[in-house]
């Protein structure tokens, strides 16, 4: 039986990052282009808490894909949006609003905007987390990003 190679100082999650990223991308693509998107299947498989956990991963690519998956789930019905809120998605997202990755910030802004308007539970949670100031700051920052991208 082969034993996994362990190097000193290497993050044990790092070895799984590539596989996790590929799986997240595949799920995100299904949530984006599936007709109908498999939102209920992701919820039933208990993936929403896993996506929320991945928001705290140090790798910005994983944060981006996980936030995109959550955006697609929160864009469903009010009940589906409440699943994201119930998994503590809003506080995790608030933490990413100051991410150095512009892609992560833009995706978090999209999710936050959809979640705040989708269900009263999300509105209450957003107010409780005092997200108004970070959201305004992020909106100004992402406007600058969009203008920069258009000029490039």
N, C-alpha and C. Protein backbone atom coordinates (compact mmCIF):
# COMPACT_ATOMS: atom_id res chain seq x y z
N UNK A 1 0.84 -1.18 0.00
CA UNK A 1 0.00 0.00 0.00
C UNK A 1 0.89 1.25 0.00
N UNK A 2 0.67 2.11 -0.93
CA UNK A 2 1.48 3.33 -1.04
C UNK A 2 1.07 4.32 0.03
N UNK A 3 2.05 4.95 0.65
CA UNK A 3 1.78 5.97 1.65
C UNK A 3 1.97 7.34 1.02
N UNK A 4 1.12 8.29 1.40
CA UNK A 4 1.29 9.64 0.84
C UNK A 4 2.60 10.26 1.30
N UNK A 5 3.21 10.98 0.41
CA UNK A 5 4.47 11.66 0.71
C UNK A 5 4.17 12.90 1.54
N UNK A 6 4.84 13.03 2.68
CA UNK A 6 4.64 14.20 3.51
C UNK A 6 5.94 14.98 3.57
N UNK A 7 5.88 16.20 3.15
CA UNK A 7 7.05 17.06 3.21
C UNK A 7 6.92 17.99 4.39
N UNK A 8 8.03 18.31 4.97
CA UNK A 8 8.03 19.23 6.09
C UNK A 8 7.58 20.61 5.65
N UNK A 9 6.72 21.20 6.47
CA UNK A 9 6.30 22.56 6.19
C UNK A 9 5.22 22.69 5.12
N UNK A 10 4.81 21.60 4.52
CA UNK A 10 3.79 21.67 3.46
C UNK A 10 2.40 21.56 4.08
N UNK A 11 1.53 22.43 3.65
CA UNK A 11 0.15 22.42 4.11
C UNK A 11 -0.52 21.14 3.64
N UNK A 12 -1.12 20.35 4.55
CA UNK A 12 -1.75 19.11 4.11
C UNK A 12 -2.90 19.33 3.14
N UNK A 13 -3.54 20.48 3.19
CA UNK A 13 -4.62 20.78 2.24
C UNK A 13 -4.09 21.12 0.85
N UNK A 14 -2.84 21.53 0.77
CA UNK A 14 -2.26 21.94 -0.50
C UNK A 14 -2.27 20.80 -1.52
N UNK A 15 -2.02 19.59 -1.06
CA UNK A 15 -2.00 18.44 -1.96
C UNK A 15 -3.37 18.20 -2.59
N UNK A 16 -4.40 18.58 -1.89
CA UNK A 16 -5.76 18.37 -2.38
C UNK A 16 -6.32 19.60 -3.09
N UNK A 17 -5.60 20.69 -3.10
CA UNK A 17 -6.10 21.93 -3.68
C UNK A 17 -6.45 21.79 -5.15
N UNK A 18 -5.59 21.12 -5.92
CA UNK A 18 -5.87 20.97 -7.36
C UNK A 18 -7.13 20.16 -7.60
N UNK A 19 -7.27 19.06 -6.88
CA UNK A 19 -8.47 18.23 -7.03
C UNK A 19 -9.71 18.96 -6.55
N UNK A 20 -9.59 19.69 -5.44
CA UNK A 20 -10.71 20.45 -4.91
C UNK A 20 -11.11 21.55 -5.87
N UNK A 21 -10.13 22.24 -6.43
CA UNK A 21 -10.41 23.30 -7.40
C UNK A 21 -11.12 22.75 -8.63
N UNK A 22 -10.66 21.62 -9.13
CA UNK A 22 -11.30 21.01 -10.30
C UNK A 22 -12.75 20.61 -9.98
N UNK A 23 -12.97 20.05 -8.80
CA UNK A 23 -14.32 19.66 -8.40
C UNK A 23 -15.22 20.87 -8.24
N UNK A 24 -14.69 21.94 -7.63
CA UNK A 24 -15.47 23.17 -7.46
C UNK A 24 -15.85 23.77 -8.82
N UNK A 25 -14.89 23.80 -9.73
CA UNK A 25 -15.19 24.34 -11.07
C UNK A 25 -16.27 23.53 -11.76
N UNK A 26 -16.20 22.21 -11.65
CA UNK A 26 -17.20 21.35 -12.27
C UNK A 26 -18.58 21.61 -11.67
N UNK A 27 -18.64 21.74 -10.35
CA UNK A 27 -19.92 22.04 -9.69
C UNK A 27 -20.43 23.42 -10.10
N UNK A 28 -19.54 24.40 -10.12
CA UNK A 28 -19.94 25.75 -10.51
C UNK A 28 -20.49 25.76 -11.92
N UNK A 29 -19.84 25.04 -12.84
CA UNK A 29 -20.31 24.98 -14.22
C UNK A 29 -21.69 24.35 -14.29
N UNK A 30 -21.91 23.29 -13.51
CA UNK A 30 -23.24 22.67 -13.49
C UNK A 30 -24.28 23.62 -12.93
N UNK A 31 -23.91 24.38 -11.92
CA UNK A 31 -24.84 25.34 -11.33
C UNK A 31 -25.11 26.50 -12.29
N UNK A 32 -24.15 26.80 -13.16
CA UNK A 32 -24.31 27.91 -14.11
C UNK A 32 -25.10 27.50 -15.35
N UNK A 33 -24.80 26.32 -15.89
CA UNK A 33 -25.37 25.97 -17.19
C UNK A 33 -26.39 24.86 -17.13
N UNK A 34 -26.53 24.21 -15.98
CA UNK A 34 -27.50 23.13 -15.86
C UNK A 34 -28.93 23.66 -15.99
N UNK A 35 -29.76 22.94 -16.68
CA UNK A 35 -31.17 23.34 -16.84
C UNK A 35 -32.05 22.20 -16.39
N UNK A 36 -32.62 22.24 -15.24
CA UNK A 36 -32.44 23.27 -14.21
C UNK A 36 -31.11 23.03 -13.47
N UNK A 37 -30.59 24.09 -12.85
CA UNK A 37 -29.33 23.91 -12.11
C UNK A 37 -29.56 22.99 -10.91
N UNK A 38 -28.58 22.19 -10.57
CA UNK A 38 -28.75 21.22 -9.47
C UNK A 38 -28.59 21.84 -8.08
N UNK A 39 -29.33 22.91 -7.82
CA UNK A 39 -29.23 23.60 -6.53
C UNK A 39 -29.70 22.69 -5.40
N UNK A 40 -30.89 22.10 -5.57
CA UNK A 40 -31.41 21.25 -4.51
C UNK A 40 -30.52 20.04 -4.25
N UNK A 41 -29.89 19.52 -5.30
CA UNK A 41 -28.99 18.39 -5.14
C UNK A 41 -27.76 18.79 -4.32
N UNK A 42 -27.23 20.00 -4.56
CA UNK A 42 -26.09 20.50 -3.78
C UNK A 42 -26.49 20.68 -2.31
N UNK A 43 -27.69 21.20 -2.10
CA UNK A 43 -28.17 21.40 -0.73
C UNK A 43 -28.35 20.04 -0.05
N UNK A 44 -28.98 19.09 -0.75
CA UNK A 44 -29.22 17.75 -0.18
C UNK A 44 -27.90 17.03 0.12
N UNK A 45 -26.88 17.28 -0.69
CA UNK A 45 -25.57 16.65 -0.48
C UNK A 45 -24.76 17.38 0.60
N UNK A 46 -25.37 18.39 1.23
CA UNK A 46 -24.73 19.17 2.30
C UNK A 46 -23.46 19.88 1.82
N UNK A 47 -23.49 20.36 0.58
CA UNK A 47 -22.33 21.05 0.02
C UNK A 47 -22.26 22.52 0.43
N UNK A 48 -23.38 23.12 0.78
CA UNK A 48 -23.37 24.55 1.13
C UNK A 48 -22.42 24.83 2.30
N UNK A 49 -22.48 24.08 3.41
CA UNK A 49 -21.50 24.33 4.48
C UNK A 49 -20.05 24.12 4.02
N UNK A 50 -19.84 23.18 3.11
CA UNK A 50 -18.49 22.96 2.59
C UNK A 50 -18.03 24.17 1.77
N UNK A 51 -18.93 24.72 0.96
CA UNK A 51 -18.59 25.92 0.18
C UNK A 51 -18.25 27.07 1.12
N UNK A 52 -19.05 27.23 2.19
CA UNK A 52 -18.80 28.31 3.15
C UNK A 52 -17.44 28.11 3.81
N UNK A 53 -17.11 26.88 4.16
CA UNK A 53 -15.80 26.58 4.76
C UNK A 53 -14.68 26.95 3.80
N UNK A 54 -14.87 26.66 2.51
CA UNK A 54 -13.84 26.96 1.51
C UNK A 54 -13.62 28.45 1.32
N UNK A 55 -14.57 29.26 1.73
CA UNK A 55 -14.36 30.72 1.68
C UNK A 55 -13.20 31.13 2.57
N UNK A 56 -12.90 30.33 3.59
CA UNK A 56 -11.80 30.64 4.49
C UNK A 56 -10.47 30.03 4.08
N UNK A 57 -10.44 29.33 2.95
CA UNK A 57 -9.20 28.72 2.48
C UNK A 57 -8.24 29.83 2.03
N UNK A 58 -6.94 29.67 2.26
CA UNK A 58 -5.99 30.72 1.87
C UNK A 58 -5.84 30.89 0.35
N UNK A 59 -6.23 29.90 -0.44
CA UNK A 59 -6.08 29.97 -1.90
C UNK A 59 -7.26 30.76 -2.49
N UNK A 60 -6.97 31.89 -3.14
CA UNK A 60 -8.03 32.74 -3.66
C UNK A 60 -8.84 32.08 -4.78
N UNK A 61 -8.22 31.16 -5.53
CA UNK A 61 -8.98 30.47 -6.59
C UNK A 61 -10.09 29.61 -5.99
N UNK A 62 -9.80 28.96 -4.87
CA UNK A 62 -10.83 28.17 -4.19
C UNK A 62 -11.91 29.07 -3.61
N UNK A 63 -11.50 30.20 -3.03
CA UNK A 63 -12.48 31.17 -2.51
C UNK A 63 -13.40 31.65 -3.62
N UNK A 64 -12.82 31.96 -4.78
CA UNK A 64 -13.58 32.46 -5.91
C UNK A 64 -14.62 31.43 -6.38
N UNK A 65 -14.17 30.19 -6.59
CA UNK A 65 -15.09 29.15 -7.08
C UNK A 65 -16.17 28.85 -6.05
N UNK A 66 -15.81 28.79 -4.77
CA UNK A 66 -16.79 28.52 -3.72
C UNK A 66 -17.82 29.66 -3.63
N UNK A 67 -17.34 30.89 -3.73
CA UNK A 67 -18.28 32.02 -3.67
C UNK A 67 -19.20 32.04 -4.90
N UNK A 68 -18.69 31.63 -6.05
CA UNK A 68 -19.52 31.57 -7.25
C UNK A 68 -20.59 30.49 -7.10
N UNK A 69 -20.21 29.33 -6.54
CA UNK A 69 -21.20 28.28 -6.27
C UNK A 69 -22.29 28.80 -5.32
N UNK A 70 -21.87 29.49 -4.27
CA UNK A 70 -22.84 30.05 -3.33
C UNK A 70 -23.71 31.12 -3.97
N UNK A 71 -23.14 31.90 -4.89
CA UNK A 71 -23.92 32.91 -5.60
C UNK A 71 -25.04 32.25 -6.40
N UNK A 72 -24.71 31.16 -7.09
CA UNK A 72 -25.72 30.46 -7.88
C UNK A 72 -26.80 29.85 -7.00
N UNK A 73 -26.42 29.32 -5.85
CA UNK A 73 -27.41 28.75 -4.93
C UNK A 73 -28.28 29.84 -4.34
N UNK A 74 -27.67 30.95 -3.93
CA UNK A 74 -28.44 32.06 -3.36
C UNK A 74 -29.34 32.73 -4.39
N UNK A 75 -29.06 32.53 -5.66
CA UNK A 75 -29.87 33.12 -6.72
C UNK A 75 -31.12 32.30 -7.02
N UNK A 76 -31.27 31.17 -6.34
CA UNK A 76 -32.45 30.34 -6.53
C UNK A 76 -33.64 30.91 -5.79
N UNK A 77 -34.41 30.04 -5.19
CA UNK A 77 -35.60 30.45 -4.44
C UNK A 77 -35.19 31.07 -3.11
N UNK A 78 -36.15 31.68 -2.42
CA UNK A 78 -35.88 32.24 -1.09
C UNK A 78 -35.41 31.15 -0.14
N UNK A 79 -36.00 29.98 -0.23
CA UNK A 79 -35.60 28.87 0.64
C UNK A 79 -34.16 28.45 0.37
N UNK A 80 -33.77 28.44 -0.90
CA UNK A 80 -32.39 28.08 -1.25
C UNK A 80 -31.43 29.15 -0.76
N UNK A 81 -31.82 30.40 -0.88
CA UNK A 81 -30.99 31.51 -0.36
C UNK A 81 -30.84 31.40 1.15
N UNK A 82 -31.92 31.05 1.83
CA UNK A 82 -31.86 30.92 3.28
C UNK A 82 -30.92 29.80 3.70
N UNK A 83 -30.72 28.80 2.83
CA UNK A 83 -29.76 27.73 3.12
C UNK A 83 -28.35 28.31 3.21
N UNK A 84 -28.03 29.22 2.30
CA UNK A 84 -26.71 29.87 2.32
C UNK A 84 -26.56 30.71 3.59
N UNK A 85 -27.61 31.46 3.92
CA UNK A 85 -27.57 32.29 5.13
C UNK A 85 -27.47 31.41 6.37
N UNK A 86 -28.24 30.32 6.40
CA UNK A 86 -28.24 29.42 7.54
C UNK A 86 -26.91 28.71 7.75
N UNK A 87 -26.13 28.59 6.70
CA UNK A 87 -24.80 27.95 6.81
C UNK A 87 -23.73 28.98 7.19
N UNK A 88 -24.16 30.14 7.69
CA UNK A 88 -23.25 31.24 8.08
C UNK A 88 -22.48 31.79 6.90
N UNK A 89 -23.13 31.78 5.74
CA UNK A 89 -22.50 32.30 4.53
C UNK A 89 -22.24 33.80 4.58
N UNK A 90 -23.15 34.55 5.19
CA UNK A 90 -22.99 36.01 5.20
C UNK A 90 -21.77 36.44 6.00
N UNK A 91 -21.58 35.97 7.24
CA UNK A 91 -20.36 36.38 7.96
C UNK A 91 -19.08 35.97 7.24
N UNK A 92 -19.09 34.79 6.61
CA UNK A 92 -17.90 34.36 5.86
C UNK A 92 -17.64 35.29 4.69
N UNK A 93 -18.72 35.73 4.05
CA UNK A 93 -18.57 36.64 2.91
C UNK A 93 -18.08 38.01 3.36
N UNK A 94 -18.57 38.47 4.50
CA UNK A 94 -18.11 39.75 5.03
C UNK A 94 -16.60 39.73 5.20
N UNK A 95 -16.08 38.59 5.65
CA UNK A 95 -14.63 38.46 5.82
C UNK A 95 -13.87 38.55 4.51
N UNK A 96 -14.50 38.16 3.40
CA UNK A 96 -13.83 38.19 2.09
C UNK A 96 -13.95 39.53 1.37
N UNK A 97 -14.74 40.44 1.91
CA UNK A 97 -14.92 41.72 1.22
C UNK A 97 -13.65 42.53 1.14
N UNK A 98 -12.68 42.20 1.98
CA UNK A 98 -11.40 42.91 1.93
C UNK A 98 -10.30 42.05 1.33
N UNK A 99 -10.68 41.01 0.59
CA UNK A 99 -9.69 40.12 -0.03
C UNK A 99 -8.81 40.90 -1.01
N UNK A 100 -7.53 40.56 -1.09
CA UNK A 100 -6.66 41.21 -2.07
C UNK A 100 -6.97 40.78 -3.51
N UNK A 101 -7.73 39.69 -3.67
CA UNK A 101 -8.10 39.21 -5.00
C UNK A 101 -9.33 39.97 -5.50
N UNK A 102 -9.17 40.70 -6.59
CA UNK A 102 -10.29 41.47 -7.14
C UNK A 102 -11.40 40.56 -7.65
N UNK A 103 -11.04 39.39 -8.19
CA UNK A 103 -12.05 38.43 -8.64
C UNK A 103 -12.91 37.95 -7.48
N UNK A 104 -12.29 37.65 -6.36
CA UNK A 104 -13.02 37.20 -5.18
C UNK A 104 -13.94 38.32 -4.70
N UNK A 105 -13.42 39.54 -4.62
CA UNK A 105 -14.23 40.68 -4.17
C UNK A 105 -15.45 40.90 -5.06
N UNK A 106 -15.26 40.83 -6.35
CA UNK A 106 -16.37 41.03 -7.28
C UNK A 106 -17.42 39.93 -7.12
N UNK A 107 -16.99 38.69 -6.98
CA UNK A 107 -17.94 37.60 -6.81
C UNK A 107 -18.68 37.71 -5.49
N UNK A 108 -17.99 38.10 -4.43
CA UNK A 108 -18.62 38.29 -3.13
C UNK A 108 -19.64 39.42 -3.22
N UNK A 109 -19.33 40.48 -3.93
CA UNK A 109 -20.28 41.58 -4.09
C UNK A 109 -21.55 41.09 -4.78
N UNK A 110 -21.39 40.27 -5.81
CA UNK A 110 -22.56 39.74 -6.52
C UNK A 110 -23.41 38.88 -5.59
N UNK A 111 -22.76 37.99 -4.86
CA UNK A 111 -23.50 37.11 -3.96
C UNK A 111 -24.21 37.93 -2.89
N UNK A 112 -23.50 38.87 -2.31
CA UNK A 112 -24.07 39.69 -1.25
C UNK A 112 -25.28 40.47 -1.75
N UNK A 113 -25.19 41.03 -2.94
CA UNK A 113 -26.31 41.79 -3.51
C UNK A 113 -27.51 40.89 -3.74
N UNK A 114 -27.29 39.70 -4.25
CA UNK A 114 -28.40 38.77 -4.49
C UNK A 114 -29.00 38.27 -3.19
N UNK A 115 -28.15 37.93 -2.22
CA UNK A 115 -28.64 37.40 -0.96
C UNK A 115 -29.43 38.44 -0.18
N UNK A 116 -28.98 39.69 -0.21
CA UNK A 116 -29.67 40.73 0.54
C UNK A 116 -31.07 40.98 0.00
N UNK A 117 -31.26 40.85 -1.30
CA UNK A 117 -32.57 41.10 -1.86
C UNK A 117 -33.45 39.88 -1.96
N UNK A 118 -32.88 38.68 -1.73
CA UNK A 118 -33.62 37.45 -1.99
C UNK A 118 -34.51 37.01 -0.84
N UNK A 119 -34.11 37.26 0.38
CA UNK A 119 -34.95 36.79 1.49
C UNK A 119 -34.76 37.69 2.71
N UNK A 120 -35.84 37.87 3.48
CA UNK A 120 -35.77 38.72 4.67
C UNK A 120 -34.72 38.24 5.67
N UNK A 121 -34.52 36.92 5.75
CA UNK A 121 -33.53 36.36 6.67
C UNK A 121 -32.13 36.89 6.33
N UNK A 122 -31.83 36.97 5.04
CA UNK A 122 -30.51 37.46 4.61
C UNK A 122 -30.37 38.95 4.93
N UNK A 123 -31.45 39.71 4.75
CA UNK A 123 -31.41 41.14 5.09
C UNK A 123 -31.10 41.33 6.57
N UNK A 124 -31.77 40.56 7.42
CA UNK A 124 -31.55 40.67 8.86
C UNK A 124 -30.12 40.28 9.22
N UNK A 125 -29.63 39.24 8.62
CA UNK A 125 -28.27 38.78 8.90
C UNK A 125 -27.25 39.82 8.44
N UNK A 126 -27.50 40.40 7.27
CA UNK A 126 -26.58 41.42 6.74
C UNK A 126 -26.53 42.63 7.67
N UNK A 127 -27.70 43.04 8.16
CA UNK A 127 -27.72 44.17 9.09
C UNK A 127 -27.00 43.81 10.38
N UNK A 128 -27.19 42.59 10.85
CA UNK A 128 -26.55 42.15 12.09
C UNK A 128 -25.03 42.14 11.96
N UNK A 129 -24.54 41.82 10.77
CA UNK A 129 -23.09 41.79 10.55
C UNK A 129 -22.53 43.16 10.21
N UNK A 130 -23.40 44.18 10.13
CA UNK A 130 -22.99 45.55 9.80
C UNK A 130 -22.18 45.59 8.51
N UNK A 131 -22.79 45.06 7.44
CA UNK A 131 -22.08 44.96 6.16
C UNK A 131 -22.22 46.20 5.29
N UNK A 132 -22.96 47.18 5.73
CA UNK A 132 -23.21 48.34 4.86
C UNK A 132 -21.92 49.05 4.46
N UNK A 133 -21.05 49.35 5.41
CA UNK A 133 -19.82 50.06 5.08
C UNK A 133 -18.90 49.24 4.17
N UNK A 134 -18.63 47.96 4.48
CA UNK A 134 -17.79 47.19 3.56
C UNK A 134 -18.42 47.07 2.17
N UNK A 135 -19.75 46.98 2.11
CA UNK A 135 -20.41 46.85 0.81
C UNK A 135 -20.21 48.12 -0.01
N UNK A 136 -20.37 49.29 0.61
CA UNK A 136 -20.16 50.54 -0.12
C UNK A 136 -18.72 50.66 -0.60
N UNK A 137 -17.79 50.30 0.27
CA UNK A 137 -16.37 50.34 -0.10
C UNK A 137 -16.10 49.37 -1.25
N UNK A 138 -16.66 48.18 -1.15
CA UNK A 138 -16.46 47.17 -2.19
C UNK A 138 -17.10 47.61 -3.50
N UNK A 139 -18.27 48.24 -3.43
CA UNK A 139 -18.92 48.71 -4.66
C UNK A 139 -18.05 49.72 -5.38
N UNK A 140 -17.46 50.66 -4.65
CA UNK A 140 -16.57 51.63 -5.28
C UNK A 140 -15.36 50.93 -5.88
N UNK A 141 -14.80 49.96 -5.14
CA UNK A 141 -13.62 49.23 -5.61
C UNK A 141 -13.94 48.44 -6.87
N UNK A 142 -15.10 47.74 -6.89
CA UNK A 142 -15.42 46.93 -8.07
C UNK A 142 -15.79 47.79 -9.25
N UNK A 143 -16.32 48.99 -9.03
CA UNK A 143 -16.57 49.89 -10.15
C UNK A 143 -15.24 50.25 -10.81
N UNK A 144 -14.23 50.52 -9.99
CA UNK A 144 -12.90 50.82 -10.53
C UNK A 144 -12.35 49.63 -11.30
N UNK A 145 -12.58 48.42 -10.79
CA UNK A 145 -12.09 47.21 -11.46
C UNK A 145 -12.76 47.07 -12.82
N UNK A 146 -14.08 47.27 -12.88
CA UNK A 146 -14.80 47.13 -14.15
C UNK A 146 -14.31 48.16 -15.17
N UNK A 147 -14.09 49.39 -14.73
CA UNK A 147 -13.60 50.43 -15.64
C UNK A 147 -12.21 50.06 -16.13
N UNK A 148 -11.35 49.59 -15.22
CA UNK A 148 -10.00 49.19 -15.61
C UNK A 148 -10.03 48.04 -16.61
N UNK A 149 -10.90 47.06 -16.39
CA UNK A 149 -10.97 45.91 -17.28
C UNK A 149 -11.45 46.33 -18.68
N UNK A 150 -12.36 47.28 -18.76
CA UNK A 150 -12.85 47.73 -20.05
C UNK A 150 -11.76 48.43 -20.85
N UNK A 151 -10.91 49.16 -20.14
CA UNK A 151 -9.83 49.89 -20.82
C UNK A 151 -8.71 48.98 -21.25
N UNK A 152 -8.56 47.83 -20.58
CA UNK A 152 -7.45 46.92 -20.91
C UNK A 152 -7.64 46.24 -22.24
